[in-house]
Amino acid sequence: MFEVINASKLTEKITFQKQSDEGEWADVLTCFAEITGLSNSEFYVQYAGGNADEVVTVYARYKSALMALIPQTTRIIHGVNTYDVISPPDNVLFKNVEIKFRARRQIS
């Protein structure tokens, strides 16, 4: 059976960028994604200690180019916000349908 990601959830246009050895950022891929934030309890724990980071989970359609990205040299541009990728790409259930990333934006 052929599986697909629910396209109605992919409402946010994002761009993945990779940093070169010279420190320059270059676009890798622009696509639509689903971005989810912290739940209320996770948000409270995250900010209670004075941590000024916003952590999100980003879901996108499977693309082999995304599987090659390394967290330390990858960021996601979403509108005016820039998120540093903090987890390796997760090929959800190894089905080559959906990729999940965790990303962080420093607020302060």
PDB file of N, CA and C in Angstrom:
ATOM      1  N   MET A   1       0.832  -1.177   0.000  1.00  0.00           N
ATOM      2  CA  MET A   1       0.000   0.000   0.000  1.00  0.00           C
ATOM      3  C   MET A   1       0.876   1.240   0.000  1.00  0.00           C
ATOM      4  N   PHE A   2       0.541   2.184  -0.826  1.00  0.00           N
ATOM      5  CA  PHE A   2       1.308   3.423  -0.962  1.00  0.00           C
ATOM      6  C   PHE A   2       0.795   4.437   0.049  1.00  0.00           C
ATOM      7  N   GLU A   3       1.678   4.965   0.878  1.00  0.00           N
ATOM      8  CA  GLU A   3       1.285   5.925   1.905  1.00  0.00           C
ATOM      9  C   GLU A   3       1.723   7.321   1.516  1.00  0.00           C
ATOM     10  N   VAL A   4       0.929   8.300   1.924  1.00  0.00           N
ATOM     11  CA  VAL A   4       1.253   9.701   1.672  1.00  0.00           C
ATOM     12  C   VAL A   4       1.041  10.496   2.955  1.00  0.00           C
ATOM     13  N   ILE A   5       1.694  11.626   3.025  1.00  0.00           N
ATOM     14  CA  ILE A   5       1.525  12.529   4.155  1.00  0.00           C
ATOM     15  C   ILE A   5       0.245  13.337   3.930  1.00  0.00           C
ATOM     16  N   ASN A   6      -0.431  13.719   4.989  1.00  0.00           N
ATOM     17  CA  ASN A   6      -1.653  14.510   4.901  1.00  0.00           C
ATOM     18  C   ASN A   6      -1.277  15.938   4.492  1.00  0.00           C
ATOM     19  N   ALA A   7      -1.494  16.280   3.239  1.00  0.00           N
ATOM     20  CA  ALA A   7      -1.078  17.573   2.695  1.00  0.00           C
ATOM     21  C   ALA A   7      -1.788  18.747   3.345  1.00  0.00           C
ATOM     22  N   SER A   8      -2.960  18.536   3.916  1.00  0.00           N
ATOM     23  CA  SER A   8      -3.695  19.643   4.534  1.00  0.00           C
ATOM     24  C   SER A   8      -2.990  20.185   5.777  1.00  0.00           C
ATOM     25  N   LYS A   9      -2.075  19.412   6.342  1.00  0.00           N
ATOM     26  CA  LYS A   9      -1.311  19.869   7.509  1.00  0.00           C
ATOM     27  C   LYS A   9      -0.076  20.682   7.108  1.00  0.00           C
ATOM     28  N   LEU A  10       0.336  20.587   5.867  1.00  0.00           N
ATOM     29  CA  LEU A  10       1.551  21.262   5.393  1.00  0.00           C
ATOM     30  C   LEU A  10       1.199  22.678   4.947  1.00  0.00           C
ATOM     31  N   THR A  11       1.036  23.571   5.902  1.00  0.00           N
ATOM     32  CA  THR A  11       0.539  24.917   5.613  1.00  0.00           C
ATOM     33  C   THR A  11       1.601  26.008   5.695  1.00  0.00           C
ATOM     34  N   GLU A  12       2.771  25.687   6.203  1.00  0.00           N
ATOM     35  CA  GLU A  12       3.809  26.692   6.418  1.00  0.00           C
ATOM     36  C   GLU A  12       4.923  26.552   5.387  1.00  0.00           C
ATOM     37  N   LYS A  13       5.230  27.638   4.685  1.00  0.00           N
ATOM     38  CA  LYS A  13       6.313  27.613   3.698  1.00  0.00           C
ATOM     39  C   LYS A  13       7.636  27.873   4.420  1.00  0.00           C
ATOM     40  N   ILE A  14       8.573  26.946   4.252  1.00  0.00           N
ATOM     41  CA  ILE A  14       9.877  27.057   4.909  1.00  0.00           C
ATOM     42  C   ILE A  14      10.994  26.819   3.896  1.00  0.00           C
ATOM     43  N   THR A  15      12.188  27.262   4.271  1.00  0.00           N
ATOM     44  CA  THR A  15      13.378  27.008   3.457  1.00  0.00           C
ATOM     45  C   THR A  15      14.455  26.414   4.346  1.00  0.00           C
ATOM     46  N   PHE A  16      14.983  25.286   3.935  1.00  0.00           N
ATOM     47  CA  PHE A  16      16.129  24.684   4.611  1.00  0.00           C
ATOM     48  C   PHE A  16      17.388  25.302   4.025  1.00  0.00           C
ATOM     49  N   GLN A  17      18.314  25.697   4.889  1.00  0.00           N
ATOM     50  CA  GLN A  17      19.595  26.243   4.457  1.00  0.00           C
ATOM     51  C   GLN A  17      20.723  25.458   5.101  1.00  0.00           C
ATOM     52  N   LYS A  18      21.825  25.364   4.361  1.00  0.00           N
ATOM     53  CA  LYS A  18      23.019  24.657   4.831  1.00  0.00           C
ATOM     54  C   LYS A  18      24.189  25.639   4.834  1.00  0.00           C
ATOM     55  N   GLN A  19      25.014  25.554   5.867  1.00  0.00           N
ATOM     56  CA  GLN A  19      26.166  26.436   5.989  1.00  0.00           C
ATOM     57  C   GLN A  19      27.384  25.805   5.332  1.00  0.00           C
ATOM     58  N   SER A  20      28.072  26.598   4.527  1.00  0.00           N
ATOM     59  CA  SER A  20      29.283  26.107   3.857  1.00  0.00           C
ATOM     60  C   SER A  20      30.467  26.181   4.821  1.00  0.00           C
ATOM     61  N   ASP A  21      31.592  25.638   4.395  1.00  0.00           N
ATOM     62  CA  ASP A  21      32.809  25.691   5.209  1.00  0.00           C
ATOM     63  C   ASP A  21      33.269  27.125   5.431  1.00  0.00           C
ATOM     64  N   GLU A  22      32.901  28.032   4.515  1.00  0.00           N
ATOM     65  CA  GLU A  22      33.271  29.448   4.628  1.00  0.00           C
ATOM     66  C   GLU A  22      32.299  30.227   5.506  1.00  0.00           C
ATOM     67  N   GLY A  23      31.229  29.576   5.976  1.00  0.00           N
ATOM     68  CA  GLY A  23      30.266  30.236   6.845  1.00  0.00           C
ATOM     69  C   GLY A  23      29.089  30.861   6.127  1.00  0.00           C
ATOM     70  N   GLU A  24      29.023  30.702   4.819  1.00  0.00           N
ATOM     71  CA  GLU A  24      27.913  31.255   4.030  1.00  0.00           C
ATOM     72  C   GLU A  24      26.724  30.304   4.049  1.00  0.00           C
ATOM     73  N   TRP A  25      25.509  30.861   4.071  1.00  0.00           N
ATOM     74  CA  TRP A  25      24.298  30.050   4.051  1.00  0.00           C
ATOM     75  C   TRP A  25      23.757  29.957   2.635  1.00  0.00           C
ATOM     76  N   ALA A  26      23.371  28.758   2.219  1.00  0.00           N
ATOM     77  CA  ALA A  26      22.812  28.535   0.882  1.00  0.00           C
ATOM     78  C   ALA A  26      21.526  27.727   1.010  1.00  0.00           C
ATOM     79  N   ASP A  27      20.537  28.086   0.204  1.00  0.00           N
ATOM     80  CA  ASP A  27      19.273  27.358   0.210  1.00  0.00           C
ATOM     81  C   ASP A  27      19.470  25.934  -0.295  1.00  0.00           C
ATOM     82  N   VAL A  28      18.849  24.978   0.393  1.00  0.00           N
ATOM     83  CA  VAL A  28      18.865  23.578  -0.011  1.00  0.00           C
ATOM     84  C   VAL A  28      17.537  23.213  -0.649  1.00  0.00           C
ATOM     85  N   LEU A  29      16.443  23.618   0.014  1.00  0.00           N
ATOM     86  CA  LEU A  29      15.115  23.222  -0.448  1.00  0.00           C
ATOM     87  C   LEU A  29      14.075  24.128   0.193  1.00  0.00           C
ATOM     88  N   THR A  30      13.098  24.561  -0.600  1.00  0.00           N
ATOM     89  CA  THR A  30      11.939  25.275  -0.088  1.00  0.00           C
ATOM     90  C   THR A  30      10.738  24.362  -0.260  1.00  0.00           C
ATOM     91  N   CYS A  31       9.933  24.242   0.793  1.00  0.00           N
ATOM     92  CA  CYS A  31       8.785  23.336   0.756  1.00  0.00           C
ATOM     93  C   CYS A  31       7.731  23.798   1.756  1.00  0.00           C
ATOM     94  N   PHE A  32       6.615  23.112   1.766  1.00  0.00           N
ATOM     95  CA  PHE A  32       5.586  23.361   2.769  1.00  0.00           C
ATOM     96  C   PHE A  32       5.737  22.331   3.875  1.00  0.00           C
ATOM     97  N   ALA A  33       5.482  22.770   5.104  1.00  0.00           N
ATOM     98  CA  ALA A  33       5.692  21.918   6.264  1.00  0.00           C
ATOM     99  C   ALA A  33       4.635  22.189   7.325  1.00  0.00           C
ATOM    100  N   GLU A  34       4.584  21.298   8.300  1.00  0.00           N
ATOM    101  CA  GLU A  34       3.779  21.500   9.496  1.00  0.00           C
ATOM    102  C   GLU A  34       4.744  21.834  10.624  1.00  0.00           C
ATOM    103  N   ILE A  35       4.445  22.901  11.362  1.00  0.00           N
ATOM    104  CA  ILE A  35       5.290  23.309  12.474  1.00  0.00           C
ATOM    105  C   ILE A  35       4.442  23.275  13.740  1.00  0.00           C
ATOM    106  N   THR A  36       4.908  22.504  14.716  1.00  0.00           N
ATOM    107  CA  THR A  36       4.193  22.433  15.990  1.00  0.00           C
ATOM    108  C   THR A  36       5.115  22.896  17.103  1.00  0.00           C
ATOM    109  N   GLY A  37       4.548  23.611  18.071  1.00  0.00           N
ATOM    110  CA  GLY A  37       5.332  24.126  19.186  1.00  0.00           C
ATOM    111  C   GLY A  37       5.201  23.254  20.404  1.00  0.00           C
ATOM    112  N   LEU A  38       5.626  23.800  21.519  1.00  0.00           N
ATOM    113  CA  LEU A  38       5.566  23.091  22.785  1.00  0.00           C
ATOM    114  C   LEU A  38       4.138  23.099  23.315  1.00  0.00           C
ATOM    115  N   SER A  39       3.771  22.043  24.017  1.00  0.00           N
ATOM    116  CA  SER A  39       2.489  22.049  24.721  1.00  0.00           C
ATOM    117  C   SER A  39       2.610  23.011  25.907  1.00  0.00           C
ATOM    118  N   ASN A  40       1.502  23.336  26.530  1.00  0.00           N
ATOM    119  CA  ASN A  40       1.534  24.287  27.648  1.00  0.00           C
ATOM    120  C   ASN A  40       2.459  23.840  28.766  1.00  0.00           C
ATOM    121  N   SER A  41       2.433  22.563  29.135  1.00  0.00           N
ATOM    122  CA  SER A  41       3.288  22.092  30.231  1.00  0.00           C
ATOM    123  C   SER A  41       4.757  22.118  29.817  1.00  0.00           C
ATOM    124  N   GLU A  42       5.057  21.733  28.588  1.00  0.00           N
ATOM    125  CA  GLU A  42       6.444  21.776  28.118  1.00  0.00           C
ATOM    126  C   GLU A  42       6.927  23.222  28.042  1.00  0.00           C
ATOM    127  N   PHE A  43       6.040  24.134  27.610  1.00  0.00           N
ATOM    128  CA  PHE A  43       6.392  25.544  27.506  1.00  0.00           C
ATOM    129  C   PHE A  43       6.771  26.087  28.876  1.00  0.00           C
ATOM    130  N   TYR A  44       5.979  25.756  29.889  1.00  0.00           N
ATOM    131  CA  TYR A  44       6.248  26.237  31.238  1.00  0.00           C
ATOM    132  C   TYR A  44       7.604  25.731  31.738  1.00  0.00           C
ATOM    133  N   VAL A  45       7.877  24.460  31.576  1.00  0.00           N
ATOM    134  CA  VAL A  45       9.150  23.891  32.015  1.00  0.00           C
ATOM    135  C   VAL A  45      10.309  24.534  31.268  1.00  0.00           C
ATOM    136  N   GLN A  46      10.135  24.749  29.962  1.00  0.00           N
ATOM    137  CA  GLN A  46      11.191  25.332  29.133  1.00  0.00           C
ATOM    138  C   GLN A  46      11.533  26.754  29.597  1.00  0.00           C
ATOM    139  N   TYR A  47      10.516  27.567  29.907  1.00  0.00           N
ATOM    140  CA  TYR A  47      10.746  28.970  30.228  1.00  0.00           C
ATOM    141  C   TYR A  47      10.874  29.239  31.723  1.00  0.00           C
ATOM    142  N   ALA A  48      10.519  28.291  32.571  1.00  0.00           N
ATOM    143  CA  ALA A  48      10.587  28.500  34.017  1.00  0.00           C
ATOM    144  C   ALA A  48      12.011  28.767  34.483  1.00  0.00           C
ATOM    145  N   GLY A  49      12.977  28.142  33.831  1.00  0.00           N
ATOM    146  CA  GLY A  49      14.370  28.332  34.215  1.00  0.00           C
ATOM    147  C   GLY A  49      15.027  29.528  33.562  1.00  0.00           C
ATOM    148  N   GLY A  50      14.239  30.366  32.900  1.00  0.00           N
ATOM    149  CA  GLY A  50      14.794  31.549  32.250  1.00  0.00           C
ATOM    150  C   GLY A  50      15.354  31.265  30.863  1.00  0.00           C
ATOM    151  N   ASN A  51      15.112  30.068  30.349  1.00  0.00           N
ATOM    152  CA  ASN A  51      15.580  29.708  29.021  1.00  0.00           C
ATOM    153  C   ASN A  51      14.768  30.475  27.987  1.00  0.00           C
ATOM    154  N   ALA A  52      15.411  31.185  27.108  1.00  0.00           N
ATOM    155  CA  ALA A  52      14.717  32.015  26.130  1.00  0.00           C
ATOM    156  C   ALA A  52      14.812  31.402  24.740  1.00  0.00           C
ATOM    157  N   ASP A  53      14.457  30.143  24.628  1.00  0.00           N
ATOM    158  CA  ASP A  53      14.447  29.457  23.342  1.00  0.00           C
ATOM    159  C   ASP A  53      13.037  29.001  23.027  1.00  0.00           C
ATOM    160  N   GLU A  54      12.689  29.040  21.768  1.00  0.00           N
ATOM    161  CA  GLU A  54      11.431  28.463  21.297  1.00  0.00           C
ATOM    162  C   GLU A  54      11.801  27.193  20.532  1.00  0.00           C
ATOM    163  N   VAL A  55      11.309  26.054  20.993  1.00  0.00           N
ATOM    164  CA  VAL A  55      11.609  24.783  20.350  1.00  0.00           C
ATOM    165  C   VAL A  55      10.368  24.306  19.611  1.00  0.00           C
ATOM    166  N   VAL A  56      10.550  23.927  18.355  1.00  0.00           N
ATOM    167  CA  VAL A  56       9.435  23.467  17.530  1.00  0.00           C
ATOM    168  C   VAL A  56       9.794  22.141  16.874  1.00  0.00           C
ATOM    169  N   THR A  57       8.765  21.440  16.432  1.00  0.00           N
ATOM    170  CA  THR A  57       8.942  20.243  15.621  1.00  0.00           C
ATOM    171  C   THR A  57       8.439  20.567  14.230  1.00  0.00           C
ATOM    172  N   VAL A  58       9.224  20.211  13.232  1.00  0.00           N
ATOM    173  CA  VAL A  58       8.900  20.508  11.836  1.00  0.00           C
ATOM    174  C   VAL A  58       8.732  19.189  11.094  1.00  0.00           C
ATOM    175  N   TYR A  59       7.591  19.039  10.425  1.00  0.00           N
ATOM    176  CA  TYR A  59       7.297  17.853   9.613  1.00  0.00           C
ATOM    177  C   TYR A  59       7.234  18.268   8.153  1.00  0.00           C
ATOM    178  N   ALA A  60       7.932  17.547   7.285  1.00  0.00           N
ATOM    179  CA  ALA A  60       7.922  17.833   5.847  1.00  0.00           C
ATOM    180  C   ALA A  60       7.834  16.523   5.076  1.00  0.00           C
ATOM    181  N   ARG A  61       7.471  16.632   3.807  1.00  0.00           N
ATOM    182  CA  ARG A  61       7.467  15.440   2.952  1.00  0.00           C
ATOM    183  C   ARG A  61       8.896  14.903   2.831  1.00  0.00           C
ATOM    184  N   TYR A  62       9.008  13.610   2.679  1.00  0.00           N
ATOM    185  CA  TYR A  62      10.315  12.969   2.526  1.00  0.00           C
ATOM    186  C   TYR A  62      10.995  13.449   1.251  1.00  0.00           C
ATOM    187  N   LYS A  63      12.212  13.894   1.388  1.00  0.00           N
ATOM    188  CA  LYS A  63      13.098  14.236   0.261  1.00  0.00           C
ATOM    189  C   LYS A  63      14.486  13.739   0.632  1.00  0.00           C
ATOM    190  N   SER A  64      15.132  13.042  -0.273  1.00  0.00           N
ATOM    191  CA  SER A  64      16.453  12.489   0.047  1.00  0.00           C
ATOM    192  C   SER A  64      17.455  13.589   0.395  1.00  0.00           C
ATOM    193  N   ALA A  65      17.312  14.776  -0.200  1.00  0.00           N
ATOM    194  CA  ALA A  65      18.226  15.879   0.106  1.00  0.00           C
ATOM    195  C   ALA A  65      18.136  16.294   1.570  1.00  0.00           C
ATOM    196  N   LEU A  66      16.957  16.175   2.164  1.00  0.00           N
ATOM    197  CA  LEU A  66      16.795  16.532   3.574  1.00  0.00           C
ATOM    198  C   LEU A  66      17.437  15.515   4.508  1.00  0.00           C
ATOM    199  N   MET A  67      17.484  14.262   4.097  1.00  0.00           N
ATOM    200  CA  MET A  67      18.078  13.218   4.934  1.00  0.00           C
ATOM    201  C   MET A  67      19.588  13.412   5.087  1.00  0.00           C
ATOM    202  N   ALA A  68      20.206  14.152   4.188  1.00  0.00           N
ATOM    203  CA  ALA A  68      21.651  14.365   4.235  1.00  0.00           C
ATOM    204  C   ALA A  68      22.046  15.560   5.104  1.00  0.00           C
ATOM    205  N   LEU A  69      21.079  16.294   5.639  1.00  0.00           N
ATOM    206  CA  LEU A  69      21.390  17.494   6.419  1.00  0.00           C
ATOM    207  C   LEU A  69      21.917  17.141   7.801  1.00  0.00           C
ATOM    208  N   ILE A  70      22.869  17.940   8.263  1.00  0.00           N
ATOM    209  CA  ILE A  70      23.508  17.759   9.561  1.00  0.00           C
ATOM    210  C   ILE A  70      23.051  18.901  10.476  1.00  0.00           C
ATOM    211  N   PRO A  71      22.593  18.598  11.685  1.00  0.00           N
ATOM    212  CA  PRO A  71      22.040  19.642  12.555  1.00  0.00           C
ATOM    213  C   PRO A  71      22.952  20.849  12.782  1.00  0.00           C
ATOM    214  N   GLN A  72      24.229  20.649  12.985  1.00  0.00           N
ATOM    215  CA  GLN A  72      25.131  21.760  13.320  1.00  0.00           C
ATOM    216  C   GLN A  72      25.304  22.758  12.169  1.00  0.00           C
ATOM    217  N   THR A  73      24.967  22.364  10.955  1.00  0.00           N
ATOM    218  CA  THR A  73      25.170  23.247   9.799  1.00  0.00           C
ATOM    219  C   THR A  73      23.873  23.494   9.030  1.00  0.00           C
ATOM    220  N   THR A  74      22.732  23.315   9.693  1.00  0.00           N
ATOM    221  CA  THR A  74      21.447  23.461   9.016  1.00  0.00           C
ATOM    222  C   THR A  74      20.539  24.397   9.796  1.00  0.00           C
ATOM    223  N   ARG A  75      19.802  25.222   9.068  1.00  0.00           N
ATOM    224  CA  ARG A  75      18.792  26.053   9.694  1.00  0.00           C
ATOM    225  C   ARG A  75      17.547  26.082   8.822  1.00  0.00           C
ATOM    226  N   ILE A  76      16.451  26.522   9.431  1.00  0.00           N
ATOM    227  CA  ILE A  76      15.170  26.610   8.744  1.00  0.00           C
ATOM    228  C   ILE A  76      14.703  28.057   8.806  1.00  0.00           C
ATOM    229  N   ILE A  77      14.334  28.593   7.659  1.00  0.00           N
ATOM    230  CA  ILE A  77      13.789  29.947   7.584  1.00  0.00           C
ATOM    231  C   ILE A  77      12.281  29.823   7.443  1.00  0.00           C
ATOM    232  N   HIS A  78      11.547  30.461   8.359  1.00  0.00           N
ATOM    233  CA  HIS A  78      10.081  30.459   8.325  1.00  0.00           C
ATOM    234  C   HIS A  78       9.634  31.901   8.513  1.00  0.00           C
ATOM    235  N   GLY A  79       9.249  32.549   7.428  1.00  0.00           N
ATOM    236  CA  GLY A  79       8.895  33.968   7.496  1.00  0.00           C
ATOM    237  C   GLY A  79      10.108  34.775   7.916  1.00  0.00           C
ATOM    238  N   VAL A  80       9.955  35.540   9.000  1.00  0.00           N
ATOM    239  CA  VAL A  80      11.072  36.342   9.502  1.00  0.00           C
ATOM    240  C   VAL A  80      11.878  35.598  10.568  1.00  0.00           C
ATOM    241  N   ASN A  81      11.463  34.388  10.924  1.00  0.00           N
ATOM    242  CA  ASN A  81      12.126  33.622  11.976  1.00  0.00           C
ATOM    243  C   ASN A  81      13.146  32.646  11.400  1.00  0.00           C
ATOM    244  N   THR A  82      14.240  32.502  12.121  1.00  0.00           N
ATOM    245  CA  THR A  82      15.288  31.545  11.769  1.00  0.00           C
ATOM    246  C   THR A  82      15.426  30.546  12.906  1.00  0.00           C
ATOM    247  N   TYR A  83      15.335  29.265  12.564  1.00  0.00           N
ATOM    248  CA  TYR A  83      15.435  28.184  13.540  1.00  0.00           C
ATOM    249  C   TYR A  83      16.685  27.355  13.247  1.00  0.00           C
ATOM    250  N   ASP A  84      17.477  27.080  14.276  1.00  0.00           N
ATOM    251  CA  ASP A  84      18.619  26.186  14.148  1.00  0.00           C
ATOM    252  C   ASP A  84      18.117  24.758  14.328  1.00  0.00           C
ATOM    253  N   VAL A  85      18.467  23.881  13.403  1.00  0.00           N
ATOM    254  CA  VAL A  85      18.067  22.479  13.509  1.00  0.00           C
ATOM    255  C   VAL A  85      18.893  21.836  14.615  1.00  0.00           C
ATOM    256  N   ILE A  86      18.222  21.156  15.567  1.00  0.00           N
ATOM    257  CA  ILE A  86      18.928  20.595  16.720  1.00  0.00           C
ATOM    258  C   ILE A  86      18.850  19.071  16.777  1.00  0.00           C
ATOM    259  N   SER A  87      18.211  18.460  15.789  1.00  0.00           N
ATOM    260  CA  SER A  87      18.161  16.995  15.754  1.00  0.00           C
ATOM    261  C   SER A  87      18.427  16.529  14.330  1.00  0.00           C
ATOM    262  N   PRO A  88      18.981  15.340  14.189  1.00  0.00           N
ATOM    263  CA  PRO A  88      19.153  14.814  12.834  1.00  0.00           C
ATOM    264  C   PRO A  88      17.783  14.546  12.204  1.00  0.00           C
ATOM    265  N   PRO A  89      17.707  14.501  10.879  1.00  0.00           N
ATOM    266  CA  PRO A  89      16.434  14.204  10.236  1.00  0.00           C
ATOM    267  C   PRO A  89      15.921  12.825  10.637  1.00  0.00           C
ATOM    268  N   ASP A  90      14.634  12.743  10.936  1.00  0.00           N
ATOM    269  CA  ASP A  90      14.005  11.495  11.357  1.00  0.00           C
ATOM    270  C   ASP A  90      13.053  11.038  10.257  1.00  0.00           C
ATOM    271  N   ASN A  91      13.415   9.994   9.546  1.00  0.00           N
ATOM    272  CA  ASN A  91      12.551   9.399   8.529  1.00  0.00           C
ATOM    273  C   ASN A  91      11.467   8.631   9.301  1.00  0.00           C
ATOM    274  N   VAL A  92      10.323   9.276   9.508  1.00  0.00           N
ATOM    275  CA  VAL A  92       9.283   8.756  10.396  1.00  0.00           C
ATOM    276  C   VAL A  92       8.871   7.344   9.983  1.00  0.00           C
ATOM    277  N   LEU A  93       9.052   6.406  10.913  1.00  0.00           N
ATOM    278  CA  LEU A  93       8.738   4.988  10.735  1.00  0.00           C
ATOM    279  C   LEU A  93       9.444   4.349   9.531  1.00  0.00           C
ATOM    280  N   PHE A  94      10.499   4.973   9.052  1.00  0.00           N
ATOM    281  CA  PHE A  94      11.308   4.456   7.940  1.00  0.00           C
ATOM    282  C   PHE A  94      10.469   4.181   6.691  1.00  0.00           C
ATOM    283  N   LYS A  95       9.444   4.995   6.457  1.00  0.00           N
ATOM    284  CA  LYS A  95       8.537   4.768   5.331  1.00  0.00           C
ATOM    285  C   LYS A  95       8.818   5.667   4.130  1.00  0.00           C
ATOM    286  N   ASN A  96       9.794   6.560   4.233  1.00  0.00           N
ATOM    287  CA  ASN A  96      10.120   7.492   3.143  1.00  0.00           C
ATOM    288  C   ASN A  96       8.904   8.319   2.717  1.00  0.00           C
ATOM    289  N   VAL A  97       8.105   8.734   3.716  1.00  0.00           N
ATOM    290  CA  VAL A  97       6.916   9.541   3.463  1.00  0.00           C
ATOM    291  C   VAL A  97       7.056  10.905   4.126  1.00  0.00           C
ATOM    292  N   GLU A  98       7.572  10.916   5.349  1.00  0.00           N
ATOM    293  CA  GLU A  98       7.600  12.115   6.178  1.00  0.00           C
ATOM    294  C   GLU A  98       8.932  12.195   6.914  1.00  0.00           C
ATOM    295  N   ILE A  99       9.456  13.425   7.045  1.00  0.00           N
ATOM    296  CA  ILE A  99      10.690  13.654   7.797  1.00  0.00           C
ATOM    297  C   ILE A  99      10.360  14.623   8.930  1.00  0.00           C
ATOM    298  N   LYS A 100      10.908  14.347  10.102  1.00  0.00           N
ATOM    299  CA  LYS A 100      10.688  15.193  11.271  1.00  0.00           C
ATOM    300  C   LYS A 100      12.018  15.780  11.729  1.00  0.00           C
ATOM    301  N   PHE A 101      11.989  17.076  12.071  1.00  0.00           N
ATOM    302  CA  PHE A 101      13.145  17.780  12.626  1.00  0.00           C
ATOM    303  C   PHE A 101      12.719  18.473  13.913  1.00  0.00           C
ATOM    304  N   ARG A 102      13.650  18.637  14.828  1.00  0.00           N
ATOM    305  CA  ARG A 102      13.454  19.525  15.981  1.00  0.00           C
ATOM    306  C   ARG A 102      14.330  20.729  15.720  1.00  0.00           C
ATOM    307  N   ALA A 103      13.783  21.903  15.990  1.00  0.00           N
ATOM    308  CA  ALA A 103      14.518  23.129  15.722  1.00  0.00           C
ATOM    309  C   ALA A 103      14.306  24.125  16.866  1.00  0.00           C
ATOM    310  N   ARG A 104      15.258  25.054  16.996  1.00  0.00           N
ATOM    311  CA  ARG A 104      15.227  26.001  18.105  1.00  0.00           C
ATOM    312  C   ARG A 104      15.476  27.413  17.575  1.00  0.00           C
ATOM    313  N   ARG A 105      14.715  28.355  18.120  1.00  0.00           N
ATOM    314  CA  ARG A 105      14.910  29.769  17.819  1.00  0.00           C
ATOM    315  C   ARG A 105      15.190  30.477  19.118  1.00  0.00           C
ATOM    316  N   GLN A 106      16.284  31.223  19.162  1.00  0.00           N
ATOM    317  CA  GLN A 106      16.611  31.986  20.373  1.00  0.00           C
ATOM    318  C   GLN A 106      15.777  33.255  20.365  1.00  0.00           C
ATOM    319  N   ILE A 107      15.058  33.482  21.463  1.00  0.00           N
ATOM    320  CA  ILE A 107      14.148  34.622  21.535  1.00  0.00           C
ATOM    321  C   ILE A 107      14.845  35.875  22.039  1.00  0.00           C
ATOM    322  N   SER A 108      15.695  35.759  23.029  1.00  0.00           N
ATOM    323  CA  SER A 108      16.328  36.959  23.578  1.00  0.00           C
ATOM    324  C   SER A 108      17.672  37.204  22.950  1.00  0.00           C
TER     325      SER A 108
END
